[in-house]
N, C-alpha and C. Protein backbone atom coordinates (compact mmCIF):
# COMPACT_ATOMS: atom_id res chain seq x y z
N MET A 1 0.81 -1.12 0.13
CA MET A 1 0.04 0.09 -0.21
C MET A 1 0.80 1.21 -0.22
N ILE A 2 0.78 2.14 -1.00
CA ILE A 2 1.71 3.39 -1.15
C ILE A 2 1.08 4.37 0.00
N GLU A 3 2.04 5.13 0.55
CA GLU A 3 1.68 6.00 1.36
C GLU A 3 1.20 7.18 0.72
N ARG A 4 0.17 7.88 1.21
CA ARG A 4 -0.60 9.07 0.44
C ARG A 4 0.35 10.37 0.62
N VAL A 5 0.64 10.99 -0.16
CA VAL A 5 1.48 12.17 -0.18
C VAL A 5 0.86 13.30 -0.89
N THR A 6 0.98 14.45 -0.20
CA THR A 6 0.48 15.85 -0.80
C THR A 6 1.73 16.19 -1.93
N LEU A 7 1.07 16.13 -3.27
CA LEU A 7 2.28 16.47 -4.36
C LEU A 7 2.01 17.66 -4.99
N HIS A 8 2.69 18.62 -4.76
CA HIS A 8 2.43 20.03 -5.20
C HIS A 8 3.01 20.18 -6.85
N VAL A 9 2.39 20.11 -7.71
CA VAL A 9 2.60 20.21 -9.04
C VAL A 9 2.96 21.76 -9.57
N LEU A 10 4.07 22.01 -9.93
CA LEU A 10 4.49 23.27 -10.42
C LEU A 10 4.77 23.24 -12.08
N ASP A 11 4.13 23.86 -12.65
CA ASP A 11 4.26 23.61 -14.24
C ASP A 11 3.44 24.84 -14.47
N SER A 12 4.06 25.65 -15.59
CA SER A 12 3.44 26.77 -16.22
C SER A 12 2.72 26.36 -17.51
N ASP A 13 2.51 25.07 -17.81
CA ASP A 13 1.70 24.61 -18.86
C ASP A 13 0.51 23.74 -18.27
N SER A 14 -0.69 24.65 -18.52
CA SER A 14 -1.92 23.90 -17.80
C SER A 14 -2.11 22.61 -18.19
N ALA A 15 -2.04 22.25 -19.46
CA ALA A 15 -2.17 20.90 -19.75
C ALA A 15 -1.16 19.73 -18.99
N ARG A 16 -0.09 20.03 -18.92
CA ARG A 16 0.91 19.31 -18.14
C ARG A 16 0.35 19.20 -16.80
N ARG A 17 -0.05 20.32 -16.14
CA ARG A 17 -0.24 20.33 -14.68
C ARG A 17 -1.41 19.37 -14.64
N ALA A 18 -2.57 19.47 -15.46
CA ALA A 18 -3.66 18.57 -15.34
C ALA A 18 -3.36 17.07 -15.54
N GLN A 19 -2.26 17.01 -16.38
CA GLN A 19 -1.80 15.53 -16.62
C GLN A 19 -1.43 14.78 -15.34
N LEU A 20 -0.35 15.68 -14.93
CA LEU A 20 0.10 15.25 -13.63
C LEU A 20 -0.72 14.96 -12.42
N ALA A 21 -1.46 16.17 -12.40
CA ALA A 21 -2.76 16.00 -11.15
C ALA A 21 -3.18 14.99 -11.24
N ARG A 22 -4.02 14.54 -12.59
CA ARG A 22 -4.57 13.45 -12.82
C ARG A 22 -3.84 12.15 -12.29
N LEU A 23 -2.65 11.94 -12.77
CA LEU A 23 -1.70 10.78 -12.55
C LEU A 23 -1.62 10.73 -10.92
N ALA A 24 -1.20 11.95 -10.20
CA ALA A 24 -1.34 11.72 -8.71
C ALA A 24 -2.21 11.41 -8.10
N PHE A 25 -3.52 11.82 -8.57
CA PHE A 25 -4.78 11.41 -7.89
C PHE A 25 -4.92 9.91 -8.27
N ALA A 26 -4.54 9.57 -9.43
CA ALA A 26 -4.66 7.91 -9.68
C ALA A 26 -3.90 7.13 -9.15
N ALA A 27 -2.80 7.72 -8.87
CA ALA A 27 -1.64 6.99 -7.92
C ALA A 27 -2.04 6.92 -6.69
N GLY A 28 -3.05 7.60 -6.11
CA GLY A 28 -3.38 7.38 -4.49
C GLY A 28 -2.87 8.69 -3.71
N HIS A 29 -2.42 9.64 -4.25
CA HIS A 29 -2.03 10.78 -3.81
C HIS A 29 -3.11 12.14 -3.87
N HIS A 30 -2.53 13.10 -3.10
CA HIS A 30 -3.24 14.26 -3.25
C HIS A 30 -2.20 15.37 -4.02
N ALA A 31 -3.11 16.15 -4.81
CA ALA A 31 -2.36 16.98 -5.62
C ALA A 31 -2.83 18.47 -5.56
N GLU A 32 -1.72 19.66 -5.22
CA GLU A 32 -2.37 20.78 -5.23
C GLU A 32 -1.40 21.46 -6.68
N ILE A 33 -2.03 22.28 -7.37
CA ILE A 33 -1.24 22.85 -8.71
C ILE A 33 -1.10 24.32 -8.57
N TYR A 34 0.16 24.55 -9.17
CA TYR A 34 0.75 25.98 -9.04
C TYR A 34 1.28 26.00 -10.34
N ALA A 35 0.99 27.37 -11.09
CA ALA A 35 1.68 27.98 -12.41
C ALA A 35 2.88 28.50 -12.30
N HIS A 36 3.37 29.31 -10.95
CA HIS A 36 4.56 29.68 -10.98
C HIS A 36 5.14 29.45 -9.44
N ALA A 37 6.57 29.59 -9.27
CA ALA A 37 6.91 29.77 -7.98
C ALA A 37 6.53 30.53 -6.98
N ASP A 38 5.90 31.64 -7.56
CA ASP A 38 5.44 32.58 -6.42
C ASP A 38 4.22 32.04 -5.92
N GLU A 39 3.68 31.53 -6.73
CA GLU A 39 2.02 31.00 -6.15
C GLU A 39 2.46 29.74 -5.22
N LEU A 40 3.43 28.94 -5.47
CA LEU A 40 3.80 27.91 -4.33
C LEU A 40 4.16 28.49 -3.08
N LEU A 41 5.34 29.27 -3.26
CA LEU A 41 5.86 30.04 -2.07
C LEU A 41 5.09 30.99 -1.12
N GLY A 42 4.15 31.41 -1.93
CA GLY A 42 3.07 32.37 -1.25
C GLY A 42 2.20 31.70 -0.57
N HIS A 43 1.76 30.41 -1.08
CA HIS A 43 0.78 29.40 -0.24
C HIS A 43 1.82 28.76 0.75
N ALA A 44 2.91 28.56 0.89
CA ALA A 44 3.59 28.15 1.94
C ALA A 44 3.32 26.72 2.61
N PRO A 45 3.07 25.86 1.67
CA PRO A 45 2.82 24.56 2.15
C PRO A 45 3.66 23.81 3.38
N ALA A 46 3.17 23.38 4.35
CA ALA A 46 4.06 22.65 5.53
C ALA A 46 4.45 21.29 5.19
N GLY A 47 3.96 20.61 3.85
CA GLY A 47 4.70 19.50 3.82
C GLY A 47 4.50 18.79 2.08
N GLY A 48 4.78 17.81 2.35
CA GLY A 48 4.76 17.33 0.75
C GLY A 48 5.78 17.20 -0.20
N LEU A 49 5.70 16.92 -1.32
CA LEU A 49 6.88 16.91 -2.40
C LEU A 49 6.48 17.83 -3.58
N VAL A 50 7.28 18.46 -3.92
CA VAL A 50 6.86 19.22 -5.29
C VAL A 50 7.57 18.66 -6.36
N LEU A 51 6.47 18.35 -7.45
CA LEU A 51 6.70 17.87 -8.64
C LEU A 51 6.83 19.07 -9.69
N ALA A 52 8.31 19.55 -9.98
CA ALA A 52 8.51 20.76 -10.79
C ALA A 52 9.18 20.56 -12.10
N GLN A 53 8.30 21.10 -12.98
CA GLN A 53 8.96 21.04 -14.36
C GLN A 53 10.31 21.93 -14.44
N ASP A 54 11.18 21.26 -14.95
CA ASP A 54 12.41 22.05 -15.08
C ASP A 54 12.66 22.44 -16.33
N GLU A 55 12.09 24.12 -16.08
CA GLU A 55 12.25 25.10 -17.30
C GLU A 55 12.64 26.24 -17.01
N PRO A 56 13.63 26.76 -17.92
CA PRO A 56 14.15 26.07 -19.08
C PRO A 56 14.69 24.93 -18.50
N VAL A 57 15.06 23.81 -19.46
CA VAL A 57 15.63 22.62 -18.98
C VAL A 57 16.89 22.85 -18.55
N GLY A 58 17.46 22.52 -17.38
CA GLY A 58 18.73 22.69 -16.98
C GLY A 58 18.89 23.98 -16.20
N GLU A 59 17.87 24.83 -15.91
CA GLU A 59 18.04 25.90 -15.16
C GLU A 59 16.74 25.88 -14.04
N GLY A 60 15.68 25.59 -14.72
CA GLY A 60 14.36 25.70 -13.54
C GLY A 60 14.75 25.35 -12.27
N ILE A 61 15.17 24.14 -12.15
CA ILE A 61 15.13 23.82 -10.51
C ILE A 61 16.11 24.40 -10.03
N THR A 62 17.31 24.68 -10.37
CA THR A 62 18.30 25.54 -9.82
C THR A 62 17.71 27.00 -9.38
N SER A 63 16.75 27.68 -10.31
CA SER A 63 16.11 28.97 -9.78
C SER A 63 14.84 28.77 -8.91
N LEU A 64 14.36 27.70 -9.01
CA LEU A 64 13.27 27.08 -7.90
C LEU A 64 13.92 27.26 -6.46
N VAL A 65 15.14 26.41 -6.41
CA VAL A 65 15.89 26.18 -5.40
C VAL A 65 16.29 27.68 -4.63
N SER A 66 16.95 28.42 -5.40
CA SER A 66 17.22 29.88 -5.42
C SER A 66 16.05 30.67 -4.54
N ALA A 67 14.77 30.54 -5.34
CA ALA A 67 13.62 31.35 -4.81
C ALA A 67 13.16 30.75 -3.24
N MET A 68 13.19 29.40 -3.33
CA MET A 68 12.93 28.91 -1.78
C MET A 68 13.88 29.41 -0.78
N MET A 69 15.22 29.46 -1.22
CA MET A 69 16.14 29.90 0.04
C MET A 69 15.88 31.33 0.17
N ARG A 70 15.67 32.06 -0.84
CA ARG A 70 15.59 33.54 -0.61
C ARG A 70 14.22 33.77 0.40
N ALA A 71 13.35 32.94 0.18
CA ALA A 71 12.13 32.97 0.76
C ALA A 71 12.04 32.46 2.20
N GLY A 72 13.01 31.76 2.26
CA GLY A 72 13.39 31.20 3.72
C GLY A 72 12.57 29.82 4.05
N GLN A 73 11.98 29.33 2.62
CA GLN A 73 11.06 27.88 2.71
C GLN A 73 12.13 26.89 2.14
N TRP A 74 11.35 25.55 2.48
CA TRP A 74 11.86 24.45 1.59
C TRP A 74 10.98 23.67 1.51
N LEU A 75 11.01 22.78 0.30
CA LEU A 75 9.94 21.77 0.40
C LEU A 75 10.94 20.45 -0.65
N PRO A 76 11.01 19.48 -0.49
CA PRO A 76 11.47 18.56 -1.46
C PRO A 76 11.34 18.40 -2.79
N ILE A 77 11.97 18.19 -3.85
CA ILE A 77 11.69 18.41 -5.02
C ILE A 77 11.97 17.25 -5.99
N ILE A 78 10.99 16.90 -6.67
CA ILE A 78 11.35 15.84 -7.80
C ILE A 78 11.14 16.72 -8.94
N ALA A 79 12.15 16.60 -9.97
CA ALA A 79 12.33 17.51 -11.24
C ALA A 79 11.50 16.67 -12.12
N ILE A 80 11.08 17.28 -13.14
CA ILE A 80 10.39 16.61 -14.17
C ILE A 80 10.89 17.35 -15.71
N ALA A 81 11.04 16.70 -16.91
CA ALA A 81 11.13 17.30 -18.03
C ALA A 81 10.61 16.39 -19.14
N GLU A 82 10.23 16.92 -20.08
CA GLU A 82 9.64 15.99 -21.25
C GLU A 82 10.74 15.17 -22.01
N ALA A 83 12.02 16.11 -21.83
CA ALA A 83 13.17 15.31 -22.74
C ALA A 83 14.40 15.94 -21.83
N PRO A 84 14.80 15.42 -20.67
CA PRO A 84 15.76 15.76 -19.83
C PRO A 84 17.13 15.27 -20.44
N THR A 85 18.24 16.11 -20.44
CA THR A 85 19.26 15.89 -20.74
C THR A 85 20.23 15.67 -19.27
N ILE A 86 21.47 14.96 -19.54
CA ILE A 86 22.39 14.37 -18.55
C ILE A 86 22.70 15.77 -17.83
N ASP A 87 23.16 16.83 -18.63
CA ASP A 87 23.43 18.14 -17.82
C ASP A 87 22.52 18.68 -16.98
N ALA A 88 21.21 18.64 -17.50
CA ALA A 88 19.89 19.09 -16.68
C ALA A 88 20.02 18.17 -15.27
N VAL A 89 19.92 16.78 -15.70
CA VAL A 89 19.79 16.02 -14.30
C VAL A 89 20.86 16.39 -13.29
N VAL A 90 21.94 16.37 -13.78
CA VAL A 90 23.30 16.89 -12.79
C VAL A 90 22.99 18.32 -12.32
N ALA A 91 22.69 19.31 -12.97
CA ALA A 91 22.47 20.63 -12.34
C ALA A 91 21.25 20.58 -11.33
N ALA A 92 20.14 19.66 -11.59
CA ALA A 92 19.23 19.63 -10.80
C ALA A 92 19.54 18.91 -9.56
N ILE A 93 20.08 17.77 -9.45
CA ILE A 93 20.52 16.99 -8.47
C ILE A 93 21.46 17.95 -7.48
N LYS A 94 22.59 18.54 -8.16
CA LYS A 94 23.35 19.26 -7.52
C LYS A 94 22.95 20.30 -6.42
N ALA A 95 21.72 20.89 -7.52
CA ALA A 95 21.00 22.13 -6.57
C ALA A 95 19.98 21.56 -5.28
N GLY A 96 19.79 20.07 -5.45
CA GLY A 96 19.21 19.77 -4.26
C GLY A 96 17.94 19.01 -4.46
N ALA A 97 17.63 18.85 -6.05
CA ALA A 97 16.46 17.90 -6.31
C ALA A 97 16.66 16.39 -5.88
N LEU A 98 15.53 15.66 -5.41
CA LEU A 98 15.74 14.48 -4.69
C LEU A 98 15.76 13.29 -5.94
N ASP A 99 14.91 13.51 -7.11
CA ASP A 99 14.97 12.67 -8.22
C ASP A 99 14.80 13.61 -9.52
N TYR A 100 14.78 12.88 -10.62
CA TYR A 100 14.50 13.84 -11.84
C TYR A 100 13.93 12.65 -12.88
N LEU A 101 12.56 12.75 -13.22
CA LEU A 101 11.86 12.01 -14.08
C LEU A 101 11.86 12.61 -15.65
N THR A 102 11.60 11.72 -16.62
CA THR A 102 10.74 12.03 -17.66
C THR A 102 9.42 12.23 -17.50
N MET A 103 8.81 13.11 -18.04
CA MET A 103 7.32 13.28 -17.78
C MET A 103 6.62 11.96 -17.76
N PRO A 104 6.21 11.79 -16.35
CA PRO A 104 5.67 10.24 -16.62
C PRO A 104 3.91 10.18 -16.94
N ASP A 105 3.67 9.30 -17.63
CA ASP A 105 2.30 8.90 -18.06
C ASP A 105 1.56 7.46 -17.37
N GLN A 106 2.56 7.00 -16.51
CA GLN A 106 2.08 5.82 -15.74
C GLN A 106 2.32 6.10 -14.30
N ILE A 107 1.45 5.23 -13.67
CA ILE A 107 1.60 5.39 -12.21
C ILE A 107 2.70 5.04 -11.63
N ALA A 108 3.17 3.76 -11.89
CA ALA A 108 4.30 3.00 -11.29
C ALA A 108 5.80 3.99 -11.02
N PRO A 109 6.17 4.71 -12.31
CA PRO A 109 7.16 5.30 -12.46
C PRO A 109 7.18 6.51 -11.35
N LEU A 110 6.26 7.18 -11.23
CA LEU A 110 5.61 8.17 -10.38
C LEU A 110 5.74 7.61 -8.79
N ASN A 111 5.08 6.53 -8.41
CA ASN A 111 5.16 6.10 -7.20
C ASN A 111 6.48 5.78 -6.84
N GLU A 112 7.44 5.07 -7.88
CA GLU A 112 8.50 4.95 -7.22
C GLU A 112 9.46 6.09 -6.91
N ALA A 113 9.14 6.93 -7.72
CA ALA A 113 10.15 8.39 -7.40
C ALA A 113 9.53 8.87 -6.09
N VAL A 114 8.26 9.04 -5.83
CA VAL A 114 7.71 9.37 -4.72
C VAL A 114 8.20 8.77 -3.55
N ALA A 115 8.04 7.38 -3.50
CA ALA A 115 8.74 6.66 -2.52
C ALA A 115 10.28 6.75 -2.10
N ARG A 116 10.80 6.88 -3.20
CA ARG A 116 12.20 7.03 -2.99
C ARG A 116 12.71 8.45 -2.17
N SER A 117 11.80 9.44 -2.84
CA SER A 117 11.98 10.74 -2.21
C SER A 117 11.55 10.93 -0.81
N ALA A 118 10.23 10.45 -0.75
CA ALA A 118 9.78 10.66 0.81
C ALA A 118 10.64 9.84 1.91
N ARG A 119 11.48 9.11 1.34
CA ARG A 119 12.56 8.34 2.28
C ARG A 119 13.52 9.53 2.96
N GLN A 120 13.89 10.23 1.85
CA GLN A 120 15.13 11.18 2.02
C GLN A 120 14.57 12.41 2.42
N ALA A 121 13.25 12.75 2.14
CA ALA A 121 12.88 13.97 2.59
C ALA A 121 13.11 14.76 3.79
N ASP A 122 12.75 13.95 4.87
CA ASP A 122 12.76 14.54 6.26
C ASP A 122 14.14 15.41 6.48
N ALA A 123 15.13 14.36 6.40
CA ALA A 123 16.26 14.69 6.73
C ALA A 123 16.72 15.91 5.75
N GLN A 124 16.37 16.04 4.39
CA GLN A 124 16.96 17.08 3.69
C GLN A 124 15.97 18.25 4.08
N ARG A 125 14.81 18.12 4.25
CA ARG A 125 13.93 19.38 4.81
C ARG A 125 14.44 19.98 5.94
N GLN A 126 14.98 19.48 7.18
CA GLN A 126 15.21 20.07 8.02
C GLN A 126 16.78 20.50 7.74
N GLN A 127 17.65 20.08 6.86
CA GLN A 127 18.82 20.48 6.58
C GLN A 127 18.57 22.06 5.84
N ARG A 128 17.84 21.95 4.96
CA ARG A 128 17.39 23.13 4.01
C ARG A 128 16.79 23.98 4.69
N ALA A 129 15.79 23.68 5.68
CA ALA A 129 15.18 24.70 6.42
C ALA A 129 16.01 25.70 7.41
N ARG A 130 17.26 24.77 7.59
CA ARG A 130 17.96 25.48 8.48
C ARG A 130 18.76 26.51 7.78
N ALA A 131 19.18 26.16 6.67
CA ALA A 131 19.92 26.97 5.74
C ALA A 131 18.96 27.94 5.26
N ALA A 132 17.83 27.89 4.80
CA ALA A 132 17.02 29.01 4.41
C ALA A 132 16.80 30.16 5.57
N GLU A 133 16.75 29.39 6.80
CA GLU A 133 16.56 30.50 8.01
C GLU A 133 17.85 31.25 8.17
N ALA A 134 18.91 30.47 7.96
CA ALA A 134 20.17 31.29 8.30
C ALA A 134 20.46 32.22 7.22
N ARG A 135 19.95 32.03 5.75
CA ARG A 135 20.31 32.94 4.59
C ARG A 135 19.66 34.41 5.14
N GLN A 136 18.36 33.97 5.57
CA GLN A 136 17.33 35.19 5.89
C GLN A 136 17.86 35.95 6.92
N ARG A 137 18.68 35.37 7.91
CA ARG A 137 19.13 36.15 8.77
C ARG A 137 20.24 37.05 8.48
N ILE A 138 20.99 36.16 7.64
CA ILE A 138 22.31 36.76 7.03
C ILE A 138 22.01 38.11 6.05
N SER A 139 21.06 37.94 5.38
CA SER A 139 20.66 39.01 4.49
C SER A 139 20.29 40.46 5.07
N ARG A 140 20.08 40.32 6.46
CA ARG A 140 19.82 41.46 6.99
C ARG A 140 20.66 42.45 7.57
N LEU A 141 22.24 41.73 7.31
CA LEU A 141 23.31 42.30 7.61
C LEU A 141 23.86 43.52 6.44
N SER A 142 24.45 44.53 7.27
CA SER A 142 25.18 45.42 6.09
C SER A 142 26.37 44.90 5.45
N MET A 143 26.96 45.10 4.33
CA MET A 143 27.95 44.61 3.88
C MET A 143 29.28 44.60 4.95
N ARG A 144 29.50 45.50 5.51
CA ARG A 144 30.66 45.63 6.48
C ARG A 144 30.52 44.44 7.65
N GLU A 145 29.09 44.42 7.94
CA GLU A 145 28.99 43.56 9.05
C GLU A 145 29.21 41.89 8.49
N ARG A 146 28.81 41.72 6.98
CA ARG A 146 28.88 40.40 6.58
C ARG A 146 30.54 40.25 6.30
N GLU A 147 31.16 41.08 6.04
CA GLU A 147 32.42 40.85 5.95
C GLU A 147 33.30 40.42 7.10
N VAL A 148 32.40 41.05 8.29
CA VAL A 148 33.43 40.72 9.73
C VAL A 148 32.70 39.36 10.01
N LEU A 149 31.66 38.96 9.53
CA LEU A 149 30.96 37.56 9.80
C LEU A 149 31.95 36.62 9.01
N ASP A 150 32.17 37.07 7.64
CA ASP A 150 32.96 35.91 7.03
C ASP A 150 34.29 35.75 7.39
N ARG A 151 35.05 36.77 7.93
CA ARG A 151 36.07 36.78 8.44
C ARG A 151 36.15 35.89 9.75
N LEU A 152 35.34 36.08 10.51
CA LEU A 152 35.12 35.13 11.83
C LEU A 152 35.03 33.91 11.58
N ALA A 153 34.22 33.71 10.75
CA ALA A 153 33.94 32.27 10.38
C ALA A 153 35.28 31.50 9.66
N GLU A 154 36.46 32.41 9.32
CA GLU A 154 37.58 31.71 8.81
C GLU A 154 38.54 31.82 10.10
N GLY A 155 38.27 32.17 11.07
CA GLY A 155 39.03 32.11 12.29
C GLY A 155 39.68 33.37 12.78
N PHE A 156 39.32 34.53 12.06
CA PHE A 156 40.19 35.88 12.35
C PHE A 156 39.80 36.35 13.71
N SER A 157 40.79 36.94 14.41
CA SER A 157 40.57 37.74 15.83
C SER A 157 40.18 38.99 15.28
N ASN A 158 39.54 39.80 16.17
CA ASN A 158 39.19 41.02 16.09
C ASN A 158 40.48 41.72 15.36
N LYS A 159 41.57 41.71 15.95
CA LYS A 159 42.79 42.55 15.48
C LYS A 159 42.91 41.89 14.14
N ALA A 160 43.11 40.88 13.52
CA ALA A 160 43.02 40.34 12.38
C ALA A 160 42.29 40.88 11.33
N ILE A 161 40.99 41.10 11.80
CA ILE A 161 39.75 41.44 11.07
C ILE A 161 40.18 43.08 10.79
N ALA A 162 40.50 43.50 11.61
CA ALA A 162 40.84 45.09 11.62
C ALA A 162 41.90 45.18 10.51
N ARG A 163 42.96 44.54 10.68
CA ARG A 163 44.24 44.59 9.53
C ARG A 163 43.80 44.25 8.43
N ASP A 164 42.79 43.24 8.20
CA ASP A 164 42.30 42.74 7.00
C ASP A 164 41.48 43.97 6.12
N LEU A 165 40.66 44.45 6.79
CA LEU A 165 39.43 45.37 6.22
C LEU A 165 40.22 46.98 6.55
N GLU A 166 41.05 46.99 7.09
CA GLU A 166 41.72 48.33 7.12
C GLU A 166 40.95 49.38 8.17
N ILE A 167 40.44 48.75 9.09
CA ILE A 167 39.66 49.67 10.17
C ILE A 167 40.07 49.43 11.56
N SER A 168 39.94 50.08 12.54
CA SER A 168 40.20 50.10 13.79
C SER A 168 39.84 48.70 14.42
N PRO A 169 40.17 48.16 15.39
CA PRO A 169 39.60 47.22 16.22
C PRO A 169 38.30 47.42 16.96
N ARG A 170 38.14 48.83 17.36
CA ARG A 170 36.88 49.43 17.94
C ARG A 170 35.96 49.14 16.90
N THR A 171 36.09 49.79 15.59
CA THR A 171 35.03 49.49 14.70
C THR A 171 34.71 48.13 14.53
N VAL A 172 35.49 47.29 14.32
CA VAL A 172 35.37 45.71 14.17
C VAL A 172 34.48 45.19 15.41
N GLU A 173 34.84 45.74 16.68
CA GLU A 173 33.74 45.39 17.95
C GLU A 173 32.23 45.94 17.62
N ILE A 174 32.47 47.04 16.96
CA ILE A 174 30.84 47.68 16.88
C ILE A 174 30.28 46.99 15.60
N HIS A 175 30.83 46.61 14.76
CA HIS A 175 30.11 45.86 13.59
C HIS A 175 29.98 44.56 14.20
N ARG A 176 30.81 43.98 14.89
CA ARG A 176 30.47 42.48 15.28
C ARG A 176 29.30 42.59 16.37
N MET A 177 29.03 43.63 17.15
CA MET A 177 28.18 43.55 18.11
C MET A 177 26.71 43.83 17.07
N LYS A 178 26.83 44.72 16.32
CA LYS A 178 25.34 44.80 15.43
C LYS A 178 25.26 43.52 14.74
N MET A 179 26.14 42.88 14.34
CA MET A 179 25.85 41.66 13.52
C MET A 179 25.32 40.58 14.31
N MET A 180 26.02 40.21 15.60
CA MET A 180 25.30 39.20 16.29
C MET A 180 23.79 39.68 16.68
N GLY A 181 23.73 40.96 16.92
CA GLY A 181 22.23 41.43 17.50
C GLY A 181 21.26 41.18 16.04
N LYS A 182 21.60 41.26 14.97
CA LYS A 182 20.75 41.05 13.72
C LYS A 182 20.67 39.81 13.71
N LEU A 183 21.75 38.76 13.83
CA LEU A 183 21.68 37.18 13.67
C LEU A 183 20.83 36.57 14.78
N GLY A 184 20.55 37.23 15.88
CA GLY A 184 20.09 36.90 17.11
C GLY A 184 21.12 35.70 17.66
N ALA A 185 22.22 35.96 17.68
CA ALA A 185 23.48 34.90 17.90
C ALA A 185 23.78 35.60 19.43
N ARG A 186 24.02 34.58 20.32
CA ARG A 186 24.63 34.78 21.70
C ARG A 186 25.74 34.96 21.79
N HIS A 187 26.72 34.30 21.15
CA HIS A 187 28.14 33.96 20.97
C HIS A 187 28.46 33.79 19.54
N ALA A 188 29.85 34.19 19.64
CA ALA A 188 30.89 34.04 18.29
C ALA A 188 30.42 32.66 17.42
N ALA A 189 30.34 31.65 18.26
CA ALA A 189 30.10 30.19 17.90
C ALA A 189 28.77 30.18 16.97
N GLU A 190 27.76 30.68 17.87
CA GLU A 190 26.43 30.69 17.31
C GLU A 190 26.40 31.42 15.67
N ALA A 191 27.13 32.59 15.57
CA ALA A 191 27.06 33.42 14.40
C ALA A 191 27.91 32.61 13.55
N VAL A 192 28.84 31.89 13.77
CA VAL A 192 29.44 31.09 12.49
C VAL A 192 28.92 29.75 12.06
N ARG A 193 27.96 29.32 12.98
CA ARG A 193 27.29 28.05 12.86
C ARG A 193 26.22 28.37 11.79
N LEU A 194 25.74 29.85 11.83
CA LEU A 194 24.61 30.29 11.07
C LEU A 194 25.18 30.77 9.76
N ARG A 195 26.34 30.96 9.57
CA ARG A 195 27.16 31.43 8.57
C ARG A 195 27.40 29.99 7.61
N ILE A 196 28.01 28.96 8.44
CA ILE A 196 28.07 27.49 7.79
C ILE A 196 26.76 26.99 7.13
N GLU A 197 25.87 27.11 7.99
CA GLU A 197 24.49 26.55 7.41
C GLU A 197 24.02 27.48 6.39
N ALA A 198 24.09 28.44 6.45
CA ALA A 198 23.76 29.29 5.23
C ALA A 198 24.17 29.06 3.92
N SER A 199 25.32 28.25 4.02
CA SER A 199 25.85 27.86 2.86
C SER A 199 24.98 26.77 2.35
N GLY A 200 24.56 25.71 3.03
CA GLY A 200 23.46 24.96 2.56
C GLY A 200 24.24 23.96 1.73
N PRO A 201 23.28 22.75 1.44
CA PRO A 201 23.68 21.75 0.39
C PRO A 201 24.17 22.34 -1.29
N GLY A 202 25.33 22.14 -1.54
CA GLY A 202 25.67 22.54 -2.90
C GLY A 202 25.95 24.23 -2.97
N ASP A 203 25.80 24.71 -1.67
CA ASP A 203 26.15 26.29 -1.51
C ASP A 203 25.18 27.08 -2.74
N ILE A 204 23.90 26.67 -2.90
CA ILE A 204 22.85 27.33 -3.96
C ILE A 204 22.61 28.62 -3.50
N ALA A 205 22.79 29.73 -4.37
CA ALA A 205 22.11 30.99 -4.10
C ALA A 205 22.84 31.74 -2.93
N ALA A 206 24.08 31.51 -2.77
CA ALA A 206 24.92 31.82 -1.56
C ALA A 206 25.24 33.59 -2.17
């Protein structure tokens, strides 16, 4: 018995959306449909898998992952294309997609991909969600505060940061204090952890 999963179908083509939704329902899943990434991210679903058309082929999934990270949201993705290329599959998987399907017209390939992806989804969702939240916090920093954080993550002392940025140690302390406040970090190690988490798998949209 296949476990029922909510599949968020993301495709700008209405005929393909309808085809995928019908297939999802026939396979025993629930389907929600979206024409654009903004609709999906605006809806902010709490769970499920995204069936996303990779359009343009080789670029669409990377763009979707970047949009998710900027929005501070993450859902696991199964990429789909009518004629996927090897380069497109590699790009999508490196970006974070869990699987890549040729546009399915049978239940079995869809259910196999959903089952595989569902097993990996929880761990990846937690990792990506942490990365997205960290990116959102870091986006609040000024350029100078970000420079201080980057050097702190490289193990620089305040004096070394001051020399590298050609500013006074006191100015470094001020930027560091503001940076910690914006990040909500209680100590330097927590700020560095956020910087590392913000890189996320594959360092997408850094």
